[in-house]
Protein backbone atom coordinates (compact mmCIF):
# COMPACT_ATOMS: atom_id res chain seq x y z
CA MET A 1 -37.32 24.04 1.61
CA LYS A 2 -39.21 20.99 2.84
CA PRO A 3 -37.87 19.94 6.27
CA VAL A 4 -36.11 16.58 6.51
CA HIS A 5 -36.60 14.72 9.78
CA ALA A 6 -33.87 12.86 11.55
CA LEU A 7 -35.34 9.54 10.43
CA GLY A 8 -36.10 10.66 6.89
CA PRO A 9 -38.65 12.79 4.98
CA GLU A 10 -41.93 13.74 6.66
CA ILE A 11 -44.82 11.33 6.07
CA ALA A 12 -47.23 12.92 3.59
CA TYR A 13 -50.39 12.49 5.69
CA GLN A 14 -48.63 14.15 8.63
CA SER A 15 -47.58 17.16 6.58
CA ASP A 16 -49.79 20.20 7.12
CA GLU A 17 -48.12 21.88 4.16
CA PHE A 18 -49.05 19.04 1.82
CA LEU A 19 -52.59 18.60 3.17
CA ALA A 20 -53.25 22.30 2.57
CA SER A 21 -51.91 22.19 -0.99
CA ASP A 22 -53.82 22.06 -4.28
CA ALA A 23 -52.55 18.52 -4.84
CA ALA A 24 -54.26 17.31 -1.66
CA ARG A 25 -57.68 18.80 -2.44
CA PRO A 26 -59.16 15.33 -3.20
CA ILE A 27 -58.06 14.21 0.27
CA ARG A 28 -59.76 17.20 1.91
CA ILE A 29 -62.94 16.51 -0.05
CA LEU A 30 -62.89 12.86 0.96
CA ALA A 31 -62.39 13.83 4.60
CA GLU A 32 -65.64 15.83 4.47
CA TYR A 33 -67.40 12.65 3.40
CA LEU A 34 -65.69 10.20 5.76
CA GLU A 35 -65.84 12.21 9.01
CA PRO A 36 -69.67 12.54 9.04
CA LEU A 37 -70.03 8.97 7.77
CA GLU A 38 -68.12 7.60 10.74
CA ALA A 39 -69.93 9.84 13.22
CA PHE A 40 -73.34 8.78 11.91
CA ARG A 41 -72.33 5.13 12.11
CA ARG A 42 -71.23 5.52 15.71
CA ALA A 43 -74.50 7.26 16.56
CA ARG A 44 -76.53 4.63 14.66
CA LEU A 45 -78.27 7.52 12.95
CA HIS A 46 -80.37 6.08 10.15
CA ASP A 47 -82.11 9.05 8.54
CA THR A 48 -82.99 12.72 8.97
CA ILE A 49 -85.69 15.33 8.53
CA VAL A 50 -83.97 18.36 7.03
CA PHE A 51 -84.91 21.98 7.74
CA PHE A 52 -83.86 24.74 5.34
CA GLY A 53 -84.48 28.43 5.90
CA SER A 54 -82.94 31.83 6.46
CA ALA A 55 -80.26 32.48 9.05
CA ARG A 56 -81.65 36.04 9.30
CA LEU A 57 -84.98 35.11 10.90
CA SER A 58 -84.95 35.70 14.65
CA PRO A 59 -87.69 35.15 17.24
CA ASP A 60 -87.76 38.90 17.90
CA GLY A 61 -87.81 40.00 14.27
CA PRO A 62 -90.73 40.91 11.98
CA PHE A 63 -91.02 37.29 10.80
CA GLY A 64 -90.36 35.78 14.20
CA ARG A 65 -93.33 33.46 13.92
CA TYR A 66 -91.38 31.35 11.43
CA TYR A 67 -88.66 30.81 14.03
CA ASP A 68 -91.22 29.79 16.63
CA GLU A 69 -93.08 27.52 14.23
CA ALA A 70 -89.89 25.82 13.00
CA ARG A 71 -88.95 25.19 16.61
CA GLU A 72 -92.37 23.70 17.37
CA LEU A 73 -92.38 21.51 14.27
CA ALA A 74 -88.92 20.14 15.10
CA ARG A 75 -90.14 19.40 18.62
CA LEU A 76 -93.23 17.53 17.34
CA ILE A 77 -91.14 15.42 14.97
CA THR A 78 -88.59 14.62 17.66
CA VAL A 79 -91.15 13.61 20.28
CA TRP A 80 -92.83 11.31 17.75
CA ALA A 81 -89.55 9.83 16.51
CA ARG A 82 -88.52 8.95 20.06
CA THR A 83 -91.61 6.76 20.42
CA LEU A 84 -90.63 4.54 17.48
CA SER A 85 -89.57 0.99 18.23
CA THR A 86 -86.20 0.82 16.50
CA ARG A 87 -82.61 0.50 17.60
CA ALA A 88 -81.42 3.01 15.03
CA GLN A 89 -82.05 6.73 15.47
CA ARG A 90 -84.82 7.63 13.04
CA PHE A 91 -85.94 10.95 11.57
CA VAL A 92 -83.35 13.04 13.41
CA ILE A 93 -83.63 16.78 12.87
CA CYS A 94 -80.88 18.13 10.60
CA SER A 95 -80.13 21.77 9.82
CA GLY A 96 -77.42 23.87 8.25
CA GLY A 97 -76.06 24.48 11.72
CA GLY A 98 -76.27 28.27 11.86
CA GLY A 99 -78.75 30.77 13.27
CA GLY A 100 -82.31 31.67 12.37
CA ILE A 101 -84.42 28.77 11.13
CA MET A 102 -81.44 26.45 11.51
CA GLU A 103 -81.13 27.32 15.17
CA ALA A 104 -84.89 26.98 15.64
CA ALA A 105 -84.82 23.44 14.22
CA ASN A 106 -81.98 22.27 16.45
CA ARG A 107 -83.55 24.02 19.42
CA GLY A 108 -86.89 22.32 18.82
CA ALA A 109 -85.17 18.93 18.75
CA ALA A 110 -83.58 19.73 22.10
CA ASP A 111 -87.01 20.80 23.44
CA GLY A 112 -88.27 17.35 22.46
CA GLY A 113 -85.48 15.59 24.32
CA GLY A 114 -83.74 14.41 21.16
CA ARG A 115 -80.47 14.84 19.34
CA SER A 116 -79.95 16.81 16.14
CA VAL A 117 -77.44 17.32 13.36
CA GLY A 118 -75.79 20.57 12.28
CA LEU A 119 -74.00 20.79 8.92
CA ASN A 120 -72.28 24.15 9.22
CA ILE A 121 -70.39 25.87 6.40
CA SER A 122 -67.33 28.07 6.77
CA LEU A 123 -68.24 31.51 5.40
CA PRO A 124 -66.52 34.91 5.26
CA HIS A 125 -69.23 36.31 7.56
CA GLU A 126 -68.29 33.69 10.15
CA GLN A 127 -71.44 31.64 10.47
CA ARG A 128 -71.11 29.88 13.81
CA PRO A 129 -72.70 26.59 14.86
CA ASN A 130 -75.69 27.24 17.09
CA PRO A 131 -75.55 25.88 20.66
CA TYR A 132 -78.45 23.43 20.27
CA ILE A 133 -76.73 20.94 17.95
CA SER A 134 -75.69 17.64 19.53
CA ALA A 135 -71.94 17.93 20.13
CA ASP A 136 -71.04 14.69 18.34
CA LEU A 137 -73.27 15.54 15.37
CA SER A 138 -71.90 19.02 14.64
CA PHE A 139 -69.79 19.32 11.47
CA GLU A 140 -67.89 22.09 9.74
CA PHE A 141 -67.66 22.04 5.93
CA HIS A 142 -65.48 23.95 3.51
CA TYR A 143 -67.06 22.53 0.35
CA PHE A 144 -70.68 23.38 -0.33
CA PHE A 145 -71.20 20.29 -2.50
CA MET A 146 -70.09 17.90 0.25
CA ARG A 147 -72.43 19.62 2.68
CA LYS A 148 -75.26 19.22 0.14
CA LEU A 149 -74.44 15.54 -0.25
CA TRP A 150 -75.02 14.99 3.46
CA PHE A 151 -78.27 16.97 3.39
CA ALA A 152 -79.59 14.71 0.64
CA HIS A 153 -78.00 11.38 1.55
CA LEU A 154 -79.95 10.69 4.73
CA ALA A 155 -83.00 12.90 4.20
CA ARG A 156 -86.41 11.24 4.48
CA GLY A 157 -88.27 14.53 4.64
CA LEU A 158 -87.59 18.19 3.87
CA VAL A 159 -89.19 21.33 5.29
CA VAL A 160 -88.24 24.61 3.62
CA PHE A 161 -88.99 27.82 5.50
CA PRO A 162 -88.63 31.28 3.95
CA GLY A 163 -85.05 32.09 3.00
CA GLY A 164 -82.75 33.73 0.50
CA PHE A 165 -80.18 32.59 -2.05
CA GLY A 166 -78.84 29.75 0.08
CA THR A 167 -82.29 28.38 0.81
CA LEU A 168 -83.32 28.62 -2.85
CA ASP A 169 -80.14 26.84 -3.87
CA GLU A 170 -80.73 24.02 -1.41
CA LEU A 171 -84.41 23.68 -2.32
CA THR A 172 -83.83 23.50 -6.07
CA GLU A 173 -81.01 21.01 -5.55
CA ILE A 174 -83.37 18.58 -3.80
CA LEU A 175 -86.19 19.19 -6.30
CA THR A 176 -83.77 18.50 -9.17
CA LEU A 177 -82.64 15.24 -7.55
CA ALA A 178 -86.27 14.24 -7.04
CA GLN A 179 -87.27 15.26 -10.59
CA THR A 180 -84.42 13.26 -12.12
CA LYS A 181 -85.00 10.31 -9.76
CA LYS A 182 -81.51 10.50 -8.31
CA LEU A 183 -82.85 10.05 -4.78
CA ALA A 184 -83.03 6.44 -3.57
CA THR A 185 -86.60 7.05 -2.37
CA ARG A 186 -89.04 9.88 -2.93
CA ILE A 187 -89.15 12.24 0.03
CA PRO A 188 -91.90 14.65 1.06
CA VAL A 189 -90.90 18.27 0.40
CA LEU A 190 -92.91 20.84 2.33
CA LEU A 191 -92.72 24.54 1.52
CA TYR A 192 -93.61 26.31 4.74
CA GLY A 193 -95.43 29.61 4.27
CA ARG A 194 -97.58 29.43 1.14
CA ALA A 195 -97.87 33.23 0.74
CA TYR A 196 -94.09 33.67 0.79
CA TRP A 197 -93.33 30.90 -1.67
CA ASN A 198 -96.12 31.86 -4.08
CA GLU A 199 -94.66 35.36 -4.25
CA ILE A 200 -91.02 34.27 -4.56
CA ILE A 201 -91.34 31.45 -7.13
CA ASN A 202 -94.07 31.04 -9.73
CA PHE A 203 -93.86 27.28 -10.16
CA GLU A 204 -97.05 27.23 -12.22
CA ALA A 205 -95.45 29.62 -14.72
CA LEU A 206 -92.47 27.27 -15.07
CA ALA A 207 -94.88 24.47 -16.01
CA ARG A 208 -96.95 26.73 -18.28
CA HIS A 209 -93.85 27.76 -20.22
CA GLY A 210 -92.74 24.14 -20.52
CA MET A 211 -89.66 24.58 -18.34
CA ILE A 212 -90.87 21.80 -16.02
CA SER A 213 -93.54 19.14 -16.49
CA PRO A 214 -96.97 19.57 -14.88
CA GLU A 215 -96.31 16.47 -12.76
CA ASP A 216 -93.24 18.19 -11.30
CA LEU A 217 -95.67 20.38 -9.35
CA THR A 218 -96.47 17.28 -7.27
CA LEU A 219 -92.90 17.07 -5.98
CA PHE A 220 -93.76 19.48 -3.14
CA GLU A 221 -96.65 20.69 -1.00
CA TYR A 222 -97.42 23.92 0.85
CA VAL A 223 -98.03 24.03 4.60
CA ASP A 224 -98.73 26.88 7.00
CA GLN A 225 -98.90 25.40 10.50
CA PRO A 226 -96.56 23.16 12.54
CA GLU A 227 -99.24 20.56 13.24
CA GLU A 228 -100.25 20.47 9.57
CA ALA A 229 -96.64 19.96 8.50
CA PHE A 230 -96.09 17.28 11.13
CA GLN A 231 -99.15 15.32 10.04
CA ARG A 232 -98.11 15.50 6.37
CA LEU A 233 -94.67 14.15 7.24
CA ARG A 234 -95.99 11.47 9.53
CA THR A 235 -98.48 10.25 6.93
CA ALA A 236 -95.72 10.06 4.32
CA LEU A 237 -93.31 8.22 6.62
CA GLU A 238 -95.62 5.68 8.21
CA PRO A 239 -95.63 2.76 8.62
CA VAL A 240 -92.11 2.89 10.05
CA GLN A 241 -90.20 -0.36 9.65
CA GLU A 242 -87.91 -1.77 12.34
CA ILE A 243 -84.37 -1.00 11.19
CA GLU A 244 -81.13 -1.46 13.07
CA ALA A 245 -78.44 -0.44 10.62
CA PRO A 246 -77.81 3.07 9.29
CA ALA A 247 -79.17 3.73 5.81
CA PHE A 248 -75.70 3.92 4.30
CA ALA A 249 -74.47 0.59 5.67
CA HIS A 250 -75.01 -0.84 2.16
CA SER A 251 -73.99 1.39 -0.73
CA ARG A 252 -76.50 0.13 -3.30
CA THR A 253 -79.93 1.31 -4.36
CA ALA A 254 -82.95 -0.92 -4.79
CA ALA A 255 -81.85 -1.32 -8.41
CA SER A 256 -78.46 -2.60 -7.19
CA GLU A 257 -76.59 0.33 -8.69
CA PRO A 258 -73.70 1.97 -6.81
CA ARG A 259 -74.52 5.37 -5.37
C-alpha cells in the first residue's frame, strides 16, 4: 500500500517508487537529456571531438599501439584547442567513458592539460568510468539512445578506432545521420587504422551493390597516424570563429527548424 504522510500523500517527484515505475519512464529519459544539458551549460562547453573504439584495447595488449595513438591524438587536439581565442570551451574530447580507447582519449586530454567528457553506459558487465574524465563532465546513462544523442549533438569531429559491435553501432549511427543530413553541420569522420577497417567493412561493395550511393564514400576518411588525423581535423575545423555561447543555446538549425 502506498504510504500516506502526515500532511497528505507523497509528492510524485519525491516518490522513488513512482520514479522507478513504467509510468515514469518518460521522466527518466528526459532526465538523461537535461542533466548533461545543464552541466554543459555550466561548463560553457560548446562542442566536442568524439572518440569511438573498443574497451578491450589496452596499452599492454597485442593492439596496444591503438591505445597509445588515441592518447596522443587526444593530447594534440587538446593542446591546440586550448590555444583558441574563445570564451567557450571548444573541441573538448568526448568518449564513451569506459576503458580501452575511451580511457586513452580521456587520458590524452588530461595529458594536454584540458578537460574531457565521459558518457558512460550502465552494462551488466559493469563498465566503470575511467579516472581521467573531468569530474563534472562524467555521466552515467541507462538508455543507449540518449547517450547516442549526446555523442551526436555536440560533435564537430569523430575519430573511430578499431572496435566491436558497440563501435560499429556508433559509427553507422553517425554515418546515417550524415547521409540523411540530420546533422546540423557536416563533421569530419576519420576511421583510424585503414587495414582494420578495410577488412571489417567493405564500403566499396555496399556502393557497388547499390546499397549506398558512391558519394556516401566521401562521408569518411582513413588515417593511420596521430599527426595525420590531427591535421585532417584541424583543416576541417579551421578557421575557428569566436563563440561565447554553447552550441545548444538556441534550439534551431540554420534552416530555422526545431531540432
